[in-house]
Amino acid sequence: MTKITYKIVEHDGGWAYRVGDTLSETFATHDLARKAAERAASEQVVGGSDAGISYEDQQGRWHDEVSHGDDRPETEVEG
């Protein structure tokens, strides 16, 4: 099972959450950023219907896959 970690970090004069190399919008307080990260993390684990997805990898190649609605990651929030 995949594990996704949402990390609370200082960003652009405020606070944001980071997943991998991606940052959220900036929040005025650490508490607001943490609440937003917790909300995003909880939504990430909700199952759903199977869906087709397309994405571009780091080499610029496109991939088409099926995302199974019951294949959800484990999530956590740090910071």
PDB file of N, CA and C in Angstrom:
ATOM      1  N   MET A   1       0.839  -1.179   0.000  1.00  0.00           N
ATOM      2  CA  MET A   1       0.000   0.000   0.000  1.00  0.00           C
ATOM      3  C   MET A   1       0.885   1.243   0.000  1.00  0.00           C
ATOM      4  N   THR A   2       0.493   2.214  -0.768  1.00  0.00           N
ATOM      5  CA  THR A   2       1.203   3.480  -0.860  1.00  0.00           C
ATOM      6  C   THR A   2       0.917   4.326   0.382  1.00  0.00           C
ATOM      7  N   LYS A   3       1.929   5.054   0.845  1.00  0.00           N
ATOM      8  CA  LYS A   3       1.749   5.965   1.977  1.00  0.00           C
ATOM      9  C   LYS A   3       2.075   7.378   1.511  1.00  0.00           C
ATOM     10  N   ILE A   4       1.180   8.307   1.793  1.00  0.00           N
ATOM     11  CA  ILE A   4       1.357   9.712   1.417  1.00  0.00           C
ATOM     12  C   ILE A   4       1.470  10.533   2.688  1.00  0.00           C
ATOM     13  N   THR A   5       2.534  11.346   2.773  1.00  0.00           N
ATOM     14  CA  THR A   5       2.755  12.184   3.943  1.00  0.00           C
ATOM     15  C   THR A   5       2.571  13.647   3.569  1.00  0.00           C
ATOM     16  N   TYR A   6       1.715  14.315   4.307  1.00  0.00           N
ATOM     17  CA  TYR A   6       1.486  15.749   4.173  1.00  0.00           C
ATOM     18  C   TYR A   6       2.326  16.421   5.254  1.00  0.00           C
ATOM     19  N   LYS A   7       3.284  17.276   4.848  1.00  0.00           N
ATOM     20  CA  LYS A   7       4.181  17.930   5.807  1.00  0.00           C
ATOM     21  C   LYS A   7       3.856  19.420   5.872  1.00  0.00           C
ATOM     22  N   ILE A   8       3.707  19.929   7.083  1.00  0.00           N
ATOM     23  CA  ILE A   8       3.441  21.351   7.283  1.00  0.00           C
ATOM     24  C   ILE A   8       4.784  22.081   7.256  1.00  0.00           C
ATOM     25  N   VAL A   9       4.892  23.108   6.385  1.00  0.00           N
ATOM     26  CA  VAL A   9       6.151  23.836   6.207  1.00  0.00           C
ATOM     27  C   VAL A   9       5.882  25.336   6.124  1.00  0.00           C
ATOM     28  N   GLU A  10       6.898  26.114   6.510  1.00  0.00           N
ATOM     29  CA  GLU A  10       6.804  27.568   6.318  1.00  0.00           C
ATOM     30  C   GLU A  10       6.932  27.844   4.831  1.00  0.00           C
ATOM     31  N   HIS A  11       6.086  28.777   4.353  1.00  0.00           N
ATOM     32  CA  HIS A  11       6.109  29.082   2.922  1.00  0.00           C
ATOM     33  C   HIS A  11       5.549  30.465   2.651  1.00  0.00           C
ATOM     34  N   ASP A  12       6.281  31.261   1.918  1.00  0.00           N
ATOM     35  CA  ASP A  12       5.816  32.544   1.392  1.00  0.00           C
ATOM     36  C   ASP A  12       5.202  33.432   2.475  1.00  0.00           C
ATOM     37  N   GLY A  13       5.869  33.510   3.618  1.00  0.00           N
ATOM     38  CA  GLY A  13       5.409  34.375   4.704  1.00  0.00           C
ATOM     39  C   GLY A  13       4.298  33.774   5.545  1.00  0.00           C
ATOM     40  N   GLY A  14       4.002  32.514   5.348  1.00  0.00           N
ATOM     41  CA  GLY A  14       2.960  31.845   6.119  1.00  0.00           C
ATOM     42  C   GLY A  14       3.275  30.367   6.220  1.00  0.00           C
ATOM     43  N   TRP A  15       2.244  29.546   6.080  1.00  0.00           N
ATOM     44  CA  TRP A  15       2.386  28.105   6.217  1.00  0.00           C
ATOM     45  C   TRP A  15       1.661  27.398   5.082  1.00  0.00           C
ATOM     46  N   ALA A  16       2.184  26.243   4.700  1.00  0.00           N
ATOM     47  CA  ALA A  16       1.571  25.436   3.652  1.00  0.00           C
ATOM     48  C   ALA A  16       1.770  23.973   4.018  1.00  0.00           C
ATOM     49  N   TYR A  17       1.132  23.094   3.264  1.00  0.00           N
ATOM     50  CA  TYR A  17       1.474  21.679   3.390  1.00  0.00           C
ATOM     51  C   TYR A  17       2.111  21.231   2.093  1.00  0.00           C
ATOM     52  N   ARG A  18       3.042  20.290   2.236  1.00  0.00           N
ATOM     53  CA  ARG A  18       3.799  19.794   1.086  1.00  0.00           C
ATOM     54  C   ARG A  18       3.588  18.285   0.973  1.00  0.00           C
ATOM     55  N   VAL A  19       3.344  17.856  -0.246  1.00  0.00           N
ATOM     56  CA  VAL A  19       3.294  16.429  -0.569  1.00  0.00           C
ATOM     57  C   VAL A  19       4.313  16.228  -1.677  1.00  0.00           C
ATOM     58  N   GLY A  20       5.388  15.508  -1.362  1.00  0.00           N
ATOM     59  CA  GLY A  20       6.468  15.371  -2.342  1.00  0.00           C
ATOM     60  C   GLY A  20       7.070  16.740  -2.614  1.00  0.00           C
ATOM     61  N   ASP A  21       7.094  17.149  -3.879  1.00  0.00           N
ATOM     62  CA  ASP A  21       7.628  18.455  -4.260  1.00  0.00           C
ATOM     63  C   ASP A  21       6.538  19.494  -4.477  1.00  0.00           C
ATOM     64  N   THR A  22       5.301  19.142  -4.176  1.00  0.00           N
ATOM     65  CA  THR A  22       4.171  20.035  -4.441  1.00  0.00           C
ATOM     66  C   THR A  22       3.712  20.719  -3.165  1.00  0.00           C
ATOM     67  N   LEU A  23       3.548  22.057  -3.249  1.00  0.00           N
ATOM     68  CA  LEU A  23       3.087  22.847  -2.106  1.00  0.00           C
ATOM     69  C   LEU A  23       1.639  23.274  -2.311  1.00  0.00           C
ATOM     70  N   SER A  24       0.931  23.350  -1.211  1.00  0.00           N
ATOM     71  CA  SER A  24      -0.432  23.874  -1.238  1.00  0.00           C
ATOM     72  C   SER A  24      -0.386  25.400  -1.323  1.00  0.00           C
ATOM     73  N   GLU A  25      -1.551  25.988  -1.291  1.00  0.00           N
ATOM     74  CA  GLU A  25      -1.625  27.436  -1.149  1.00  0.00           C
ATOM     75  C   GLU A  25      -1.054  27.815   0.216  1.00  0.00           C
ATOM     76  N   THR A  26      -0.762  29.092   0.420  1.00  0.00           N
ATOM     77  CA  THR A  26      -0.235  29.582   1.688  1.00  0.00           C
ATOM     78  C   THR A  26      -1.385  29.923   2.629  1.00  0.00           C
ATOM     79  N   PHE A  27      -1.229  29.509   3.886  1.00  0.00           N
ATOM     80  CA  PHE A  27      -2.207  29.800   4.932  1.00  0.00           C
ATOM     81  C   PHE A  27      -1.566  30.736   5.945  1.00  0.00           C
ATOM     82  N   ALA A  28      -2.380  31.547   6.600  1.00  0.00           N
ATOM     83  CA  ALA A  28      -1.866  32.550   7.530  1.00  0.00           C
ATOM     84  C   ALA A  28      -1.245  31.932   8.783  1.00  0.00           C
ATOM     85  N   THR A  29      -1.772  30.792   9.225  1.00  0.00           N
ATOM     86  CA  THR A  29      -1.267  30.179  10.448  1.00  0.00           C
ATOM     87  C   THR A  29      -0.939  28.704  10.236  1.00  0.00           C
ATOM     88  N   HIS A  30      -0.115  28.186  11.116  1.00  0.00           N
ATOM     89  CA  HIS A  30       0.240  26.771  11.114  1.00  0.00           C
ATOM     90  C   HIS A  30      -1.024  25.934  11.309  1.00  0.00           C
ATOM     91  N   ASP A  31      -1.890  26.362  12.209  1.00  0.00           N
ATOM     92  CA  ASP A  31      -3.116  25.621  12.496  1.00  0.00           C
ATOM     93  C   ASP A  31      -4.017  25.506  11.265  1.00  0.00           C
ATOM     94  N   LEU A  32      -4.160  26.588  10.510  1.00  0.00           N
ATOM     95  CA  LEU A  32      -4.981  26.540   9.292  1.00  0.00           C
ATOM     96  C   LEU A  32      -4.371  25.607   8.248  1.00  0.00           C
ATOM     97  N   ALA A  33      -3.043  25.631   8.116  1.00  0.00           N
ATOM     98  CA  ALA A  33      -2.382  24.737   7.162  1.00  0.00           C
ATOM     99  C   ALA A  33      -2.547  23.282   7.590  1.00  0.00           C
ATOM    100  N   ARG A  34      -2.437  23.017   8.882  1.00  0.00           N
ATOM    101  CA  ARG A  34      -2.598  21.648   9.378  1.00  0.00           C
ATOM    102  C   ARG A  34      -4.021  21.152   9.159  1.00  0.00           C
ATOM    103  N   LYS A  35      -5.001  21.996   9.438  1.00  0.00           N
ATOM    104  CA  LYS A  35      -6.403  21.594   9.218  1.00  0.00           C
ATOM    105  C   LYS A  35      -6.661  21.300   7.741  1.00  0.00           C
ATOM    106  N   ALA A  36      -6.096  22.110   6.865  1.00  0.00           N
ATOM    107  CA  ALA A  36      -6.265  21.873   5.427  1.00  0.00           C
ATOM    108  C   ALA A  36      -5.584  20.565   5.014  1.00  0.00           C
ATOM    109  N   ALA A  37      -4.403  20.300   5.560  1.00  0.00           N
ATOM    110  CA  ALA A  37      -3.695  19.055   5.253  1.00  0.00           C
ATOM    111  C   ALA A  37      -4.476  17.856   5.771  1.00  0.00           C
ATOM    112  N   GLU A  38      -5.027  17.966   6.970  1.00  0.00           N
ATOM    113  CA  GLU A  38      -5.825  16.868   7.527  1.00  0.00           C
ATOM    114  C   GLU A  38      -7.061  16.601   6.675  1.00  0.00           C
ATOM    115  N   ARG A  39      -7.682  17.667   6.202  1.00  0.00           N
ATOM    116  CA  ARG A  39      -8.861  17.511   5.342  1.00  0.00           C
ATOM    117  C   ARG A  39      -8.471  16.828   4.019  1.00  0.00           C
ATOM    118  N   ALA A  40      -7.385  17.283   3.405  1.00  0.00           N
ATOM    119  CA  ALA A  40      -6.921  16.684   2.149  1.00  0.00           C
ATOM    120  C   ALA A  40      -6.536  15.214   2.355  1.00  0.00           C
ATOM    121  N   ALA A  41      -5.852  14.928   3.451  1.00  0.00           N
ATOM    122  CA  ALA A  41      -5.439  13.553   3.741  1.00  0.00           C
ATOM    123  C   ALA A  41      -6.651  12.653   3.941  1.00  0.00           C
ATOM    124  N   SER A  42      -7.680  13.157   4.607  1.00  0.00           N
ATOM    125  CA  SER A  42      -8.871  12.331   4.847  1.00  0.00           C
ATOM    126  C   SER A  42      -9.637  12.082   3.546  1.00  0.00           C
ATOM    127  N   GLU A  43      -9.640  13.048   2.651  1.00  0.00           N
ATOM    128  CA  GLU A  43     -10.306  12.866   1.362  1.00  0.00           C
ATOM    129  C   GLU A  43      -9.538  11.883   0.471  1.00  0.00           C
ATOM    130  N   GLN A  44      -8.227  11.814   0.645  1.00  0.00           N
ATOM    131  CA  GLN A  44      -7.380  10.949  -0.167  1.00  0.00           C
ATOM    132  C   GLN A  44      -7.695   9.465   0.045  1.00  0.00           C
ATOM    133  N   VAL A  45      -8.185   9.106   1.221  1.00  0.00           N
ATOM    134  CA  VAL A  45      -8.405   7.691   1.543  1.00  0.00           C
ATOM    135  C   VAL A  45      -9.821   7.215   1.253  1.00  0.00           C
ATOM    136  N   VAL A  46     -10.696   8.114   0.820  1.00  0.00           N
ATOM    137  CA  VAL A  46     -12.077   7.737   0.527  1.00  0.00           C
ATOM    138  C   VAL A  46     -12.123   6.946  -0.779  1.00  0.00           C
ATOM    139  N   GLY A  47     -12.723   5.773  -0.718  1.00  0.00           N
ATOM    140  CA  GLY A  47     -12.861   4.944  -1.909  1.00  0.00           C
ATOM    141  C   GLY A  47     -13.880   5.534  -2.864  1.00  0.00           C
ATOM    142  N   GLY A  48     -13.922   4.998  -4.027  1.00  0.00           N
ATOM    143  CA  GLY A  48     -14.863   5.483  -5.026  1.00  0.00           C
ATOM    144  C   GLY A  48     -14.988   4.485  -6.147  1.00  0.00           C
ATOM    145  N   SER A  49     -15.349   4.961  -7.290  1.00  0.00           N
ATOM    146  CA  SER A  49     -15.502   4.118  -8.472  1.00  0.00           C
ATOM    147  C   SER A  49     -14.186   4.017  -9.227  1.00  0.00           C
ATOM    148  N   ASP A  50     -14.026   2.934  -9.978  1.00  0.00           N
ATOM    149  CA  ASP A  50     -12.878   2.832 -10.864  1.00  0.00           C
ATOM    150  C   ASP A  50     -12.931   3.975 -11.878  1.00  0.00           C
ATOM    151  N   ALA A  51     -11.764   4.514 -12.221  1.00  0.00           N
ATOM    152  CA  ALA A  51     -11.731   5.636 -13.169  1.00  0.00           C
ATOM    153  C   ALA A  51     -10.470   5.554 -14.021  1.00  0.00           C
ATOM    154  N   GLY A  52     -10.583   5.974 -15.258  1.00  0.00           N
ATOM    155  CA  GLY A  52      -9.426   6.075 -16.131  1.00  0.00           C
ATOM    156  C   GLY A  52      -8.687   7.359 -15.830  1.00  0.00           C
ATOM    157  N   ILE A  53      -7.366   7.283 -15.771  1.00  0.00           N
ATOM    158  CA  ILE A  53      -6.547   8.477 -15.532  1.00  0.00           C
ATOM    159  C   ILE A  53      -5.455   8.556 -16.579  1.00  0.00           C
ATOM    160  N   SER A  54      -5.034   9.775 -16.885  1.00  0.00           N
ATOM    161  CA  SER A  54      -3.902  10.031 -17.775  1.00  0.00           C
ATOM    162  C   SER A  54      -2.949  10.944 -17.026  1.00  0.00           C
ATOM    163  N   TYR A  55      -1.651  10.671 -17.148  1.00  0.00           N
ATOM    164  CA  TYR A  55      -0.670  11.540 -16.509  1.00  0.00           C
ATOM    165  C   TYR A  55       0.612  11.559 -17.320  1.00  0.00           C
ATOM    166  N   GLU A  56       1.379  12.642 -17.133  1.00  0.00           N
ATOM    167  CA  GLU A  56       2.651  12.813 -17.824  1.00  0.00           C
ATOM    168  C   GLU A  56       3.780  12.551 -16.834  1.00  0.00           C
ATOM    169  N   ASP A  57       4.750  11.725 -17.198  1.00  0.00           N
ATOM    170  CA  ASP A  57       5.869  11.444 -16.303  1.00  0.00           C
ATOM    171  C   ASP A  57       6.953  12.518 -16.463  1.00  0.00           C
ATOM    172  N   GLN A  58       8.022  12.374 -15.685  1.00  0.00           N
ATOM    173  CA  GLN A  58       9.088  13.380 -15.692  1.00  0.00           C
ATOM    174  C   GLN A  58       9.831  13.461 -17.016  1.00  0.00           C
ATOM    175  N   GLN A  59       9.734  12.420 -17.835  1.00  0.00           N
ATOM    176  CA  GLN A  59      10.384  12.428 -19.146  1.00  0.00           C
ATOM    177  C   GLN A  59       9.450  12.950 -20.245  1.00  0.00           C
ATOM    178  N   GLY A  60       8.259  13.408 -19.872  1.00  0.00           N
ATOM    179  CA  GLY A  60       7.330  13.963 -20.838  1.00  0.00           C
ATOM    180  C   GLY A  60       6.470  12.934 -21.557  1.00  0.00           C
ATOM    181  N   ARG A  61       6.496  11.676 -21.111  1.00  0.00           N
ATOM    182  CA  ARG A  61       5.673  10.630 -21.723  1.00  0.00           C
ATOM    183  C   ARG A  61       4.326  10.548 -21.009  1.00  0.00           C
ATOM    184  N   TRP A  62       3.283  10.342 -21.802  1.00  0.00           N
ATOM    185  CA  TRP A  62       1.929  10.231 -21.253  1.00  0.00           C
ATOM    186  C   TRP A  62       1.575   8.767 -21.031  1.00  0.00           C
ATOM    187  N   HIS A  63       0.838   8.516 -19.956  1.00  0.00           N
ATOM    188  CA  HIS A  63       0.414   7.168 -19.585  1.00  0.00           C
ATOM    189  C   HIS A  63      -1.084   7.173 -19.324  1.00  0.00           C
ATOM    190  N   ASP A  64      -1.760   6.113 -19.715  1.00  0.00           N
ATOM    191  CA  ASP A  64      -3.175   5.906 -19.418  1.00  0.00           C
ATOM    192  C   ASP A  64      -3.284   4.673 -18.536  1.00  0.00           C
ATOM    193  N   GLU A  65      -3.995   4.799 -17.432  1.00  0.00           N
ATOM    194  CA  GLU A  65      -4.161   3.696 -16.494  1.00  0.00           C
ATOM    195  C   GLU A  65      -5.580   3.705 -15.945  1.00  0.00           C
ATOM    196  N   VAL A  66      -5.915   2.627 -15.258  1.00  0.00           N
ATOM    197  CA  VAL A  66      -7.171   2.561 -14.530  1.00  0.00           C
ATOM    198  C   VAL A  66      -6.851   2.656 -13.050  1.00  0.00           C
ATOM    199  N   SER A  67      -7.484   3.595 -12.366  1.00  0.00           N
ATOM    200  CA  SER A  67      -7.342   3.735 -10.926  1.00  0.00           C
ATOM    201  C   SER A  67      -8.535   3.034 -10.286  1.00  0.00           C
ATOM    202  N   HIS A  68      -8.264   1.998  -9.518  1.00  0.00           N
ATOM    203  CA  HIS A  68      -9.333   1.242  -8.878  1.00  0.00           C
ATOM    204  C   HIS A  68      -9.829   2.000  -7.649  1.00  0.00           C
ATOM    205  N   GLY A  69     -11.121   2.135  -7.518  1.00  0.00           N
ATOM    206  CA  GLY A  69     -11.730   2.921  -6.453  1.00  0.00           C
ATOM    207  C   GLY A  69     -11.449   2.422  -5.058  1.00  0.00           C
ATOM    208  N   ASP A  70     -11.064   1.156  -4.941  1.00  0.00           N
ATOM    209  CA  ASP A  70     -10.788   0.624  -3.609  1.00  0.00           C
ATOM    210  C   ASP A  70      -9.293   0.565  -3.300  1.00  0.00           C
ATOM    211  N   ASP A  71      -8.451   1.073  -4.188  1.00  0.00           N
ATOM    212  CA  ASP A  71      -6.999   1.055  -4.010  1.00  0.00           C
ATOM    213  C   ASP A  71      -6.557   2.417  -3.492  1.00  0.00           C
ATOM    214  N   ARG A  72      -6.792   2.691  -2.218  1.00  0.00           N
ATOM    215  CA  ARG A  72      -6.514   3.993  -1.639  1.00  0.00           C
ATOM    216  C   ARG A  72      -5.244   3.942  -0.792  1.00  0.00           C
ATOM    217  N   PRO A  73      -4.503   5.043  -0.761  1.00  0.00           N
ATOM    218  CA  PRO A  73      -3.252   5.070   0.012  1.00  0.00           C
ATOM    219  C   PRO A  73      -3.510   5.270   1.511  1.00  0.00           C
ATOM    220  N   GLU A  74      -2.485   5.007   2.282  1.00  0.00           N
ATOM    221  CA  GLU A  74      -2.468   5.382   3.698  1.00  0.00           C
ATOM    222  C   GLU A  74      -1.945   6.817   3.742  1.00  0.00           C
ATOM    223  N   THR A  75      -2.472   7.650   4.632  1.00  0.00           N
ATOM    224  CA  THR A  75      -2.019   9.040   4.711  1.00  0.00           C
ATOM    225  C   THR A  75      -1.647   9.398   6.145  1.00  0.00           C
ATOM    226  N   GLU A  76      -0.787  10.417   6.269  1.00  0.00           N
ATOM    227  CA  GLU A  76      -0.453  10.976   7.577  1.00  0.00           C
ATOM    228  C   GLU A  76      -0.101  12.443   7.396  1.00  0.00           C
ATOM    229  N   VAL A  77      -0.217  13.205   8.487  1.00  0.00           N
ATOM    230  CA  VAL A  77       0.150  14.618   8.498  1.00  0.00           C
ATOM    231  C   VAL A  77       1.254  14.807   9.534  1.00  0.00           C
ATOM    232  N   GLU A  78       2.343  15.442   9.117  1.00  0.00           N
ATOM    233  CA  GLU A  78       3.469  15.723  10.022  1.00  0.00           C
ATOM    234  C   GLU A  78       3.625  17.222  10.191  1.00  0.00           C
ATOM    235  N   GLY A  79       3.947  17.616  11.418  1.00  0.00           N
ATOM    236  CA  GLY A  79       4.246  19.013  11.691  1.00  0.00           C
ATOM    237  C   GLY A  79       3.104  19.784  12.246  1.00  0.00           C
TER     238      GLY A  79
END
